[in-house]
Structures are given as structure tokens and as C-alpha cells.
N, C-alpha and C. Protein backbone atom coordinates (compact mmCIF):
# COMPACT_ATOMS: atom_id res chain seq x y z
N MET A 1 -171.22 239.31 152.20
CA MET A 1 -170.41 238.83 151.13
C MET A 1 -170.47 239.92 149.92
N LEU A 2 -169.30 240.21 149.36
CA LEU A 2 -169.41 241.12 148.18
C LEU A 2 -169.86 240.60 147.03
N SER A 3 -170.58 241.27 146.11
CA SER A 3 -170.86 240.81 144.81
C SER A 3 -169.61 240.90 143.94
N PRO A 4 -169.58 240.30 142.78
CA PRO A 4 -168.37 240.28 142.02
C PRO A 4 -168.04 241.65 141.47
N ILE A 5 -169.14 242.50 141.27
CA ILE A 5 -168.97 243.84 140.88
C ILE A 5 -168.18 244.55 141.98
N GLU A 6 -168.78 244.58 143.27
CA GLU A 6 -168.08 245.08 144.42
C GLU A 6 -166.67 244.66 144.63
N LYS A 7 -166.36 243.32 144.43
CA LYS A 7 -164.97 242.87 144.63
C LYS A 7 -164.13 243.46 143.36
N SER A 8 -164.68 243.67 142.29
CA SER A 8 -163.86 244.24 141.13
C SER A 8 -163.56 245.69 141.55
N ARG A 9 -164.48 246.37 142.07
CA ARG A 9 -164.21 247.85 142.48
C ARG A 9 -163.20 247.90 143.53
N LEU A 10 -163.29 246.96 144.53
CA LEU A 10 -162.35 246.92 145.57
C LEU A 10 -161.02 246.55 145.14
N LYS A 11 -160.96 245.64 144.17
CA LYS A 11 -159.47 245.23 143.56
C LYS A 11 -158.97 246.55 142.98
N TRP A 12 -159.80 247.35 142.24
CA TRP A 12 -159.31 248.46 141.62
C TRP A 12 -158.79 249.49 142.72
N ALA A 13 -159.50 249.52 143.77
CA ALA A 13 -159.16 250.48 144.91
C ALA A 13 -157.78 250.10 145.44
N CYS A 14 -157.42 248.93 145.43
CA CYS A 14 -156.20 248.47 145.94
C CYS A 14 -154.97 248.92 145.14
N ARG A 15 -155.26 249.43 143.82
CA ARG A 15 -154.29 249.95 143.11
C ARG A 15 -154.15 251.38 143.49
N ARG A 16 -152.98 251.81 144.13
CA ARG A 16 -152.84 253.03 144.63
C ARG A 16 -151.89 253.94 143.64
N GLY A 17 -151.61 255.16 144.06
CA GLY A 17 -150.81 255.99 143.33
C GLY A 17 -149.40 255.69 143.63
N MET A 18 -148.99 254.86 144.41
CA MET A 18 -147.62 254.62 144.86
C MET A 18 -147.43 253.16 144.61
N LEU A 19 -146.31 252.70 143.91
CA LEU A 19 -145.89 251.40 143.66
C LEU A 19 -145.79 250.66 145.14
N GLU A 20 -145.12 251.31 146.01
CA GLU A 20 -145.00 250.71 147.28
C GLU A 20 -146.27 250.15 147.95
N LEU A 21 -147.35 251.03 147.81
CA LEU A 21 -148.56 250.63 148.29
C LEU A 21 -149.31 249.50 147.50
N ASP A 22 -149.00 249.60 146.22
CA ASP A 22 -149.61 248.50 145.35
C ASP A 22 -149.11 247.11 145.74
N VAL A 23 -147.77 246.98 146.11
CA VAL A 23 -147.10 245.70 146.36
C VAL A 23 -147.54 245.26 147.77
N ILE A 24 -148.18 246.12 148.54
CA ILE A 24 -148.76 245.73 149.88
C ILE A 24 -150.18 245.37 149.69
N PHE A 25 -151.01 246.17 149.15
CA PHE A 25 -152.40 245.99 149.20
C PHE A 25 -152.99 244.94 148.12
N MET A 26 -152.34 244.97 146.87
CA MET A 26 -152.83 244.08 145.94
C MET A 26 -152.62 242.54 146.22
N PRO A 27 -151.54 242.13 146.82
CA PRO A 27 -151.46 240.70 147.20
C PRO A 27 -152.25 240.35 148.25
N PHE A 28 -152.36 241.32 149.28
CA PHE A 28 -153.20 241.03 150.36
C PHE A 28 -154.58 240.76 149.92
N PHE A 29 -155.11 241.59 149.05
CA PHE A 29 -156.65 241.44 148.65
C PHE A 29 -156.70 240.18 147.79
N GLU A 30 -155.75 239.90 146.98
CA GLU A 30 -155.94 238.77 146.22
C GLU A 30 -155.85 237.50 146.92
N HIS A 31 -155.01 237.44 147.93
CA HIS A 31 -154.73 236.08 148.65
C HIS A 31 -155.36 236.06 150.00
N GLU A 32 -155.71 237.10 150.78
CA GLU A 32 -156.12 236.96 152.13
C GLU A 32 -157.57 237.58 152.23
N PHE A 33 -158.01 238.45 151.49
CA PHE A 33 -159.31 239.24 151.69
C PHE A 33 -160.38 238.10 151.99
N ASP A 34 -160.60 237.27 151.18
CA ASP A 34 -161.74 236.26 151.39
C ASP A 34 -161.67 235.53 152.68
N SER A 35 -160.56 235.37 153.30
CA SER A 35 -160.37 234.81 154.60
C SER A 35 -160.68 235.65 155.87
N LEU A 36 -160.91 236.91 155.56
CA LEU A 36 -161.09 237.76 156.62
C LEU A 36 -162.52 237.73 157.14
N SER A 37 -162.78 238.08 158.38
CA SER A 37 -164.16 238.19 158.95
C SER A 37 -164.97 239.23 158.23
N ASP A 38 -166.20 239.36 158.29
CA ASP A 38 -166.95 240.41 157.70
C ASP A 38 -166.44 241.70 158.25
N GLU A 39 -166.26 241.74 159.64
CA GLU A 39 -165.76 242.93 160.25
C GLU A 39 -164.50 243.56 159.71
N GLN A 40 -163.51 242.52 159.57
CA GLN A 40 -162.19 242.75 159.05
C GLN A 40 -162.30 243.24 157.60
N GLN A 41 -163.14 242.64 156.80
CA GLN A 41 -163.34 243.13 155.41
C GLN A 41 -163.77 244.50 155.38
N GLN A 42 -164.67 244.99 156.27
CA GLN A 42 -165.26 246.26 156.35
C GLN A 42 -164.15 247.21 156.60
N THR A 43 -163.28 246.86 157.61
CA THR A 43 -162.23 247.60 158.06
C THR A 43 -161.11 247.89 156.98
N PHE A 44 -160.88 246.90 156.20
CA PHE A 44 -160.08 246.88 154.98
C PHE A 44 -160.55 247.93 153.90
N ILE A 45 -161.87 247.65 153.73
CA ILE A 45 -162.61 248.67 152.70
C ILE A 45 -162.45 250.02 153.23
N ARG A 46 -162.67 250.33 154.49
CA ARG A 46 -162.50 251.68 155.02
C ARG A 46 -161.09 252.29 154.89
N LEU A 47 -160.21 251.21 155.25
CA LEU A 47 -158.84 251.77 155.23
C LEU A 47 -158.35 252.23 153.85
N LEU A 48 -158.96 251.57 152.79
CA LEU A 48 -158.60 251.91 151.54
C LEU A 48 -159.02 253.44 151.05
N GLU A 49 -159.90 253.86 151.89
CA GLU A 49 -160.50 255.27 151.63
C GLU A 49 -159.43 256.26 152.15
N SER A 50 -158.50 255.81 152.91
CA SER A 50 -157.33 256.73 153.37
C SER A 50 -156.56 257.25 152.30
N ASP A 51 -155.89 258.41 152.55
CA ASP A 51 -155.02 258.97 151.63
C ASP A 51 -153.69 258.14 151.51
N ASP A 52 -153.16 258.14 150.38
CA ASP A 52 -151.91 257.34 150.11
C ASP A 52 -150.81 257.89 151.10
N PRO A 53 -150.45 259.04 151.32
CA PRO A 53 -149.47 259.33 152.12
C PRO A 53 -149.63 258.89 153.59
N ASP A 54 -150.89 258.90 154.16
CA ASP A 54 -151.21 258.35 155.42
C ASP A 54 -150.88 256.67 155.35
N LEU A 55 -151.37 256.02 154.36
CA LEU A 55 -151.28 254.58 154.19
C LEU A 55 -149.69 254.38 154.17
N PHE A 56 -149.03 255.08 153.50
CA PHE A 56 -147.52 254.83 153.29
C PHE A 56 -146.81 255.01 154.62
N LYS A 57 -147.17 256.04 155.31
CA LYS A 57 -146.70 256.25 156.68
C LYS A 57 -146.94 255.06 157.53
N TRP A 58 -148.17 254.77 157.64
CA TRP A 58 -148.57 253.63 158.56
C TRP A 58 -147.86 252.27 158.08
N CYS A 59 -147.74 252.05 156.80
CA CYS A 59 -147.24 250.67 156.38
C CYS A 59 -145.72 250.61 156.57
N MET A 60 -145.00 251.82 156.66
CA MET A 60 -143.55 251.99 156.78
C MET A 60 -143.29 252.16 158.24
N GLY A 61 -144.20 252.11 159.13
CA GLY A 61 -143.89 252.19 160.54
C GLY A 61 -143.63 253.58 161.03
N HIS A 62 -143.98 254.62 160.26
CA HIS A 62 -143.60 255.97 160.64
C HIS A 62 -144.89 256.67 161.34
N GLY A 63 -145.72 255.83 161.74
CA GLY A 63 -146.92 256.42 162.47
C GLY A 63 -147.91 255.32 162.62
N VAL A 64 -148.84 255.62 163.49
CA VAL A 64 -149.99 254.63 163.85
C VAL A 64 -151.26 255.38 163.62
N PRO A 65 -152.13 254.70 162.90
CA PRO A 65 -153.46 255.33 162.64
C PRO A 65 -154.22 255.54 163.92
N ALA A 66 -154.98 256.65 164.11
CA ALA A 66 -155.78 256.92 165.24
C ALA A 66 -156.95 255.95 165.30
N ASP A 67 -157.47 255.33 164.20
CA ASP A 67 -158.53 254.51 164.23
C ASP A 67 -157.87 253.15 164.78
N PRO A 68 -158.40 252.54 165.90
CA PRO A 68 -157.84 251.37 166.50
C PRO A 68 -158.03 250.11 165.41
N ALA A 69 -159.09 250.16 164.71
CA ALA A 69 -159.26 249.11 163.78
C ALA A 69 -158.18 249.00 162.66
N PHE A 70 -157.89 250.23 162.20
CA PHE A 70 -156.84 250.55 161.23
C PHE A 70 -155.42 250.11 161.93
N ALA A 71 -155.35 250.45 163.15
CA ALA A 71 -153.95 250.16 163.79
C ALA A 71 -153.71 248.81 163.94
N ALA A 72 -154.79 247.87 164.02
CA ALA A 72 -154.74 246.44 164.12
C ALA A 72 -154.66 245.79 162.70
N MET A 73 -155.33 246.43 161.71
CA MET A 73 -155.28 245.89 160.28
C MET A 73 -154.00 246.05 159.67
N ILE A 74 -153.30 247.26 159.77
CA ILE A 74 -151.97 247.42 159.09
C ILE A 74 -150.98 246.30 159.38
N PRO A 75 -150.79 246.07 160.68
CA PRO A 75 -149.76 244.93 161.00
C PRO A 75 -150.21 243.60 160.41
N MET A 76 -151.47 243.36 160.53
CA MET A 76 -151.95 242.00 159.92
C MET A 76 -151.67 241.96 158.46
N ILE A 77 -151.92 243.01 157.75
CA ILE A 77 -151.62 243.06 156.32
C ILE A 77 -150.11 242.72 156.09
N LEU A 78 -149.29 243.42 156.75
CA LEU A 78 -147.85 243.36 156.61
C LEU A 78 -147.36 241.90 157.04
N GLU A 79 -147.88 241.41 158.09
CA GLU A 79 -147.48 240.06 158.52
C GLU A 79 -147.91 238.99 157.59
N ARG A 80 -149.08 239.11 157.11
CA ARG A 80 -149.70 238.00 156.21
C ARG A 80 -148.86 238.06 154.88
N ASN A 81 -148.64 239.32 154.34
CA ASN A 81 -147.85 239.41 153.13
C ASN A 81 -146.56 238.78 153.37
N GLN A 82 -145.78 239.03 154.49
CA GLN A 82 -144.45 238.60 154.81
C GLN A 82 -144.49 236.93 154.89
N ALA A 83 -145.45 236.45 155.57
CA ALA A 83 -145.72 235.04 155.82
C ALA A 83 -145.81 234.34 154.38
N ARG A 84 -146.62 234.88 153.48
CA ARG A 84 -146.94 234.40 152.17
C ARG A 84 -145.64 234.42 151.49
N HIS A 85 -144.82 235.59 151.51
CA HIS A 85 -143.60 235.65 150.83
C HIS A 85 -142.52 234.67 151.38
N ASP A 86 -142.54 234.40 152.65
CA ASP A 86 -141.55 233.47 153.19
C ASP A 86 -141.91 232.10 152.64
N ARG A 87 -143.19 231.63 152.56
CA ARG A 87 -143.61 230.36 152.18
C ARG A 87 -143.17 230.16 150.60
N GLN A 88 -143.30 231.22 149.85
CA GLN A 88 -142.91 231.00 148.47
C GLN A 88 -141.43 230.87 148.24
N GLY A 89 -140.66 231.30 149.24
CA GLY A 89 -139.36 231.06 149.20
C GLY A 89 -138.50 232.17 148.46
């Protein structure tokens, strides 16, 4: 479990240099991160260490990460964000 300081740093790391990535990662962190398993949380933290162009490419479906954990995490992020958006109407 992350300390409040670690969570604050992680939230800051979700703020990217591209607005398109901000609207993907910030809501996921705010609404879904705490429900992830420890392993998934660690994968998410590692994923945020990736460069913005790679994250953008993967999130837009223009490529697949070589890391299998990232390849599973990206669709989960997108699906959970879409499901939350659909519930909010």
C-alpha cells in the first residue's frame, strides 16, 4: 500500500505532457487505482515511467508494448475509463 506522499507523487506522474494522456491516466488513477491488485498497481507505476510518445501510441492503438504486463494494462485502463464514462451518461 502506498503512503499518502507516494500517492501524491503518483498522481503528479499521471499528469503528462499531452492533454490526451492526461484524460486517460488521471481519471483511471483517481477512480480505479485503489481497486487494483498490488501487482497491477506496480505495473501501472512502471507504465508511467514510459515516454509520452510511446504511451500515446499504445493508448491510440497504433502499437503494442513489448512488455506483456503493459500490453494487458493499456486495454484495462481504456476499458475501465470507457465503462465509467458510459455509467455517467
